Amino acid sequence: MQLSEVAEICKVLSDPHRLQIMKLLVDGEMCASELLRSFSISQPTLSHHMKAMTERKLLREKKRGKRTYYGIDRRTWDEFMLVLDTISNEDYWPAMGVTVEE
């Protein structure tokens, strides 16, 4: 995963509603109507958030009848977390040619 992709994911996750959606989906898939019960936002607003998250491949969606179920895309999430873990490593910055002053 490129750092530009990580930056885009960080932008998507900068909204508190989207972080809450991720938190709700950690335990498994939920349909939009189930997610909506946890918020005081409209259905179109939730759809806007879900679209942004699925476009960045943070979420995957499955249609079951008339309902759409959302779940965390583990591949994207795991790659994202791996990059963040690597960035937090002391050895990362000098290897990137960055001097970190204390």
C-alpha atoms as a PDB file:
ATOM      1  CA  MET A   1       0.000   0.000   0.000  1.00  0.00           C
ATOM      2  CA  GLN A   2       1.390   3.383  -1.011  1.00  0.00           C
ATOM      3  CA  LEU A   3       1.576   6.244   1.472  1.00  0.00           C
ATOM      4  CA  SER A   4      -0.809   8.221  -0.742  1.00  0.00           C
ATOM      5  CA  GLU A   5      -3.402   5.459  -0.250  1.00  0.00           C
ATOM      6  CA  VAL A   6      -2.807   5.553   3.507  1.00  0.00           C
ATOM      7  CA  ALA A   7      -3.334   9.324   3.444  1.00  0.00           C
ATOM      8  CA  GLU A   8      -6.638   8.870   1.582  1.00  0.00           C
ATOM      9  CA  ILE A   9      -7.819   6.325   4.143  1.00  0.00           C
ATOM     10  CA  CYS A  10      -6.846   8.720   6.940  1.00  0.00           C
ATOM     11  CA  LYS A  11      -8.952  11.423   5.261  1.00  0.00           C
ATOM     12  CA  VAL A  12     -11.935   9.078   5.058  1.00  0.00           C
ATOM     13  CA  LEU A  13     -11.529   8.078   8.699  1.00  0.00           C
ATOM     14  CA  SER A  14     -11.209  11.685   9.881  1.00  0.00           C
ATOM     15  CA  ASP A  15     -14.997  11.856  10.281  1.00  0.00           C
ATOM     16  CA  PRO A  16     -16.228  10.697  13.725  1.00  0.00           C
ATOM     17  CA  HIS A  17     -19.291   8.983  12.208  1.00  0.00           C
ATOM     18  CA  ARG A  18     -17.040   6.864   9.992  1.00  0.00           C
ATOM     19  CA  LEU A  19     -14.862   5.868  12.935  1.00  0.00           C
ATOM     20  CA  GLN A  20     -18.017   4.865  14.812  1.00  0.00           C
ATOM     21  CA  ILE A  21     -19.142   2.800  11.808  1.00  0.00           C
ATOM     22  CA  MET A  22     -15.799   0.966  11.838  1.00  0.00           C
ATOM     23  CA  LYS A  23     -16.182   0.356  15.566  1.00  0.00           C
ATOM     24  CA  LEU A  24     -19.672  -1.070  15.074  1.00  0.00           C
ATOM     25  CA  LEU A  25     -18.520  -3.390  12.284  1.00  0.00           C
ATOM     26  CA  VAL A  26     -15.562  -4.847  14.173  1.00  0.00           C
ATOM     27  CA  ASP A  27     -17.767  -7.646  15.483  1.00  0.00           C
ATOM     28  CA  GLY A  28     -19.282  -8.492  12.102  1.00  0.00           C
ATOM     29  CA  GLU A  29     -21.518  -7.406   9.267  1.00  0.00           C
ATOM     30  CA  MET A  30     -24.518  -5.156   9.721  1.00  0.00           C
ATOM     31  CA  CYS A  31     -27.128  -3.824   7.334  1.00  0.00           C
ATOM     32  CA  ALA A  32     -27.603  -0.098   6.839  1.00  0.00           C
ATOM     33  CA  SER A  33     -30.813   0.007   8.868  1.00  0.00           C
ATOM     34  CA  GLU A  34     -29.030  -1.608  11.836  1.00  0.00           C
ATOM     35  CA  LEU A  35     -26.198   0.909  11.576  1.00  0.00           C
ATOM     36  CA  LEU A  36     -28.617   3.805  11.284  1.00  0.00           C
ATOM     37  CA  ARG A  37     -30.095   2.999  14.728  1.00  0.00           C
ATOM     38  CA  SER A  38     -26.754   3.950  16.309  1.00  0.00           C
ATOM     39  CA  PHE A  39     -26.782   7.466  14.887  1.00  0.00           C
ATOM     40  CA  SER A  40     -28.932  10.574  14.818  1.00  0.00           C
ATOM     41  CA  ILE A  41     -28.288  11.143  11.107  1.00  0.00           C
ATOM     42  CA  SER A  42     -30.498  10.646   8.080  1.00  0.00           C
ATOM     43  CA  GLN A  43     -30.383   7.607   5.815  1.00  0.00           C
ATOM     44  CA  PRO A  44     -28.952   9.661   2.901  1.00  0.00           C
ATOM     45  CA  THR A  45     -26.159  10.928   5.180  1.00  0.00           C
ATOM     46  CA  LEU A  46     -25.349   7.374   6.250  1.00  0.00           C
ATOM     47  CA  SER A  47     -25.333   6.329   2.593  1.00  0.00           C
ATOM     48  CA  HIS A  48     -22.859   9.119   1.855  1.00  0.00           C
ATOM     49  CA  HIS A  49     -20.530   7.827   4.580  1.00  0.00           C
ATOM     50  CA  MET A  50     -20.876   4.216   3.440  1.00  0.00           C
ATOM     51  CA  LYS A  51     -20.117   5.164  -0.165  1.00  0.00           C
ATOM     52  CA  ALA A  52     -16.954   7.019   0.841  1.00  0.00           C
ATOM     53  CA  MET A  53     -15.796   4.034   2.884  1.00  0.00           C
ATOM     54  CA  THR A  54     -16.572   1.429   0.225  1.00  0.00           C
ATOM     55  CA  GLU A  55     -14.858   3.504  -2.468  1.00  0.00           C
ATOM     56  CA  ARG A  56     -11.648   3.460  -0.379  1.00  0.00           C
ATOM     57  CA  LYS A  57     -12.191  -0.283   0.101  1.00  0.00           C
ATOM     58  CA  LEU A  58     -12.455   0.059   3.869  1.00  0.00           C
ATOM     59  CA  LEU A  59     -15.815  -1.688   3.686  1.00  0.00           C
ATOM     60  CA  ARG A  60     -17.223  -4.403   1.492  1.00  0.00           C
ATOM     61  CA  GLU A  61     -20.892  -4.726   0.766  1.00  0.00           C
ATOM     62  CA  LYS A  62     -23.123  -7.724   0.106  1.00  0.00           C
ATOM     63  CA  LYS A  63     -26.657  -7.575  -1.203  1.00  0.00           C
ATOM     64  CA  ARG A  64     -29.098  -9.970   0.431  1.00  0.00           C
ATOM     65  CA  GLY A  65     -32.563  -9.447  -0.916  1.00  0.00           C
ATOM     66  CA  LYS A  66     -33.469  -5.803  -0.470  1.00  0.00           C
ATOM     67  CA  ARG A  67     -30.827  -5.200   2.180  1.00  0.00           C
ATOM     68  CA  THR A  68     -27.183  -4.313   1.841  1.00  0.00           C
ATOM     69  CA  TYR A  69     -24.842  -5.669   4.496  1.00  0.00           C
ATOM     70  CA  TYR A  70     -21.534  -4.000   5.226  1.00  0.00           C
ATOM     71  CA  GLY A  71     -18.389  -5.434   6.743  1.00  0.00           C
ATOM     72  CA  ILE A  72     -14.808  -4.336   7.177  1.00  0.00           C
ATOM     73  CA  ASP A  73     -12.585  -5.239   4.242  1.00  0.00           C
ATOM     74  CA  ARG A  74      -9.931  -7.046   6.259  1.00  0.00           C
ATOM     75  CA  ARG A  75      -7.341  -6.992   3.487  1.00  0.00           C
ATOM     76  CA  THR A  76      -7.376  -3.208   3.173  1.00  0.00           C
ATOM     77  CA  TRP A  77      -7.638  -2.696   6.926  1.00  0.00           C
ATOM     78  CA  ASP A  78      -4.752  -5.066   7.688  1.00  0.00           C
ATOM     79  CA  GLU A  79      -2.531  -3.437   5.041  1.00  0.00           C
ATOM     80  CA  PHE A  80      -3.423   0.013   6.401  1.00  0.00           C
ATOM     81  CA  MET A  81      -2.589  -1.014   9.953  1.00  0.00           C
ATOM     82  CA  LEU A  82       0.671  -2.627   8.823  1.00  0.00           C
ATOM     83  CA  VAL A  83       1.769   0.611   7.171  1.00  0.00           C
ATOM     84  CA  LEU A  84       0.870   2.590  10.302  1.00  0.00           C
ATOM     85  CA  ASP A  85       2.828   0.121  12.407  1.00  0.00           C
ATOM     86  CA  THR A  86       5.798   0.447  10.065  1.00  0.00           C
ATOM     87  CA  ILE A  87       5.615   4.245  10.179  1.00  0.00           C
ATOM     88  CA  SER A  88       5.661   4.180  13.972  1.00  0.00           C
ATOM     89  CA  ASN A  89       8.855   2.133  13.890  1.00  0.00           C
ATOM     90  CA  GLU A  90      11.976   4.209  14.708  1.00  0.00           C
ATOM     91  CA  ASP A  91      13.850   2.669  11.784  1.00  0.00           C
ATOM     92  CA  TYR A  92      11.279   3.810   9.221  1.00  0.00           C
ATOM     93  CA  TRP A  93      12.055   7.517   9.142  1.00  0.00           C
ATOM     94  CA  PRO A  94      15.847   7.356   8.586  1.00  0.00           C
ATOM     95  CA  ALA A  95      15.272   4.766   5.847  1.00  0.00           C
ATOM     96  CA  MET A  96      12.956   7.296   4.173  1.00  0.00           C
ATOM     97  CA  GLY A  97      15.686   9.952   4.409  1.00  0.00           C
ATOM     98  CA  VAL A  98      13.878  11.912   7.118  1.00  0.00           C
ATOM     99  CA  THR A  99      15.716  13.301  10.102  1.00  0.00           C
ATOM    100  CA  VAL A 100      13.615  13.298  13.241  1.00  0.00           C
ATOM    101  CA  GLU A 101      14.678  15.937  15.744  1.00  0.00           C
ATOM    102  CA  GLU A 102      13.913  15.539  19.400  1.00  0.00           C
END
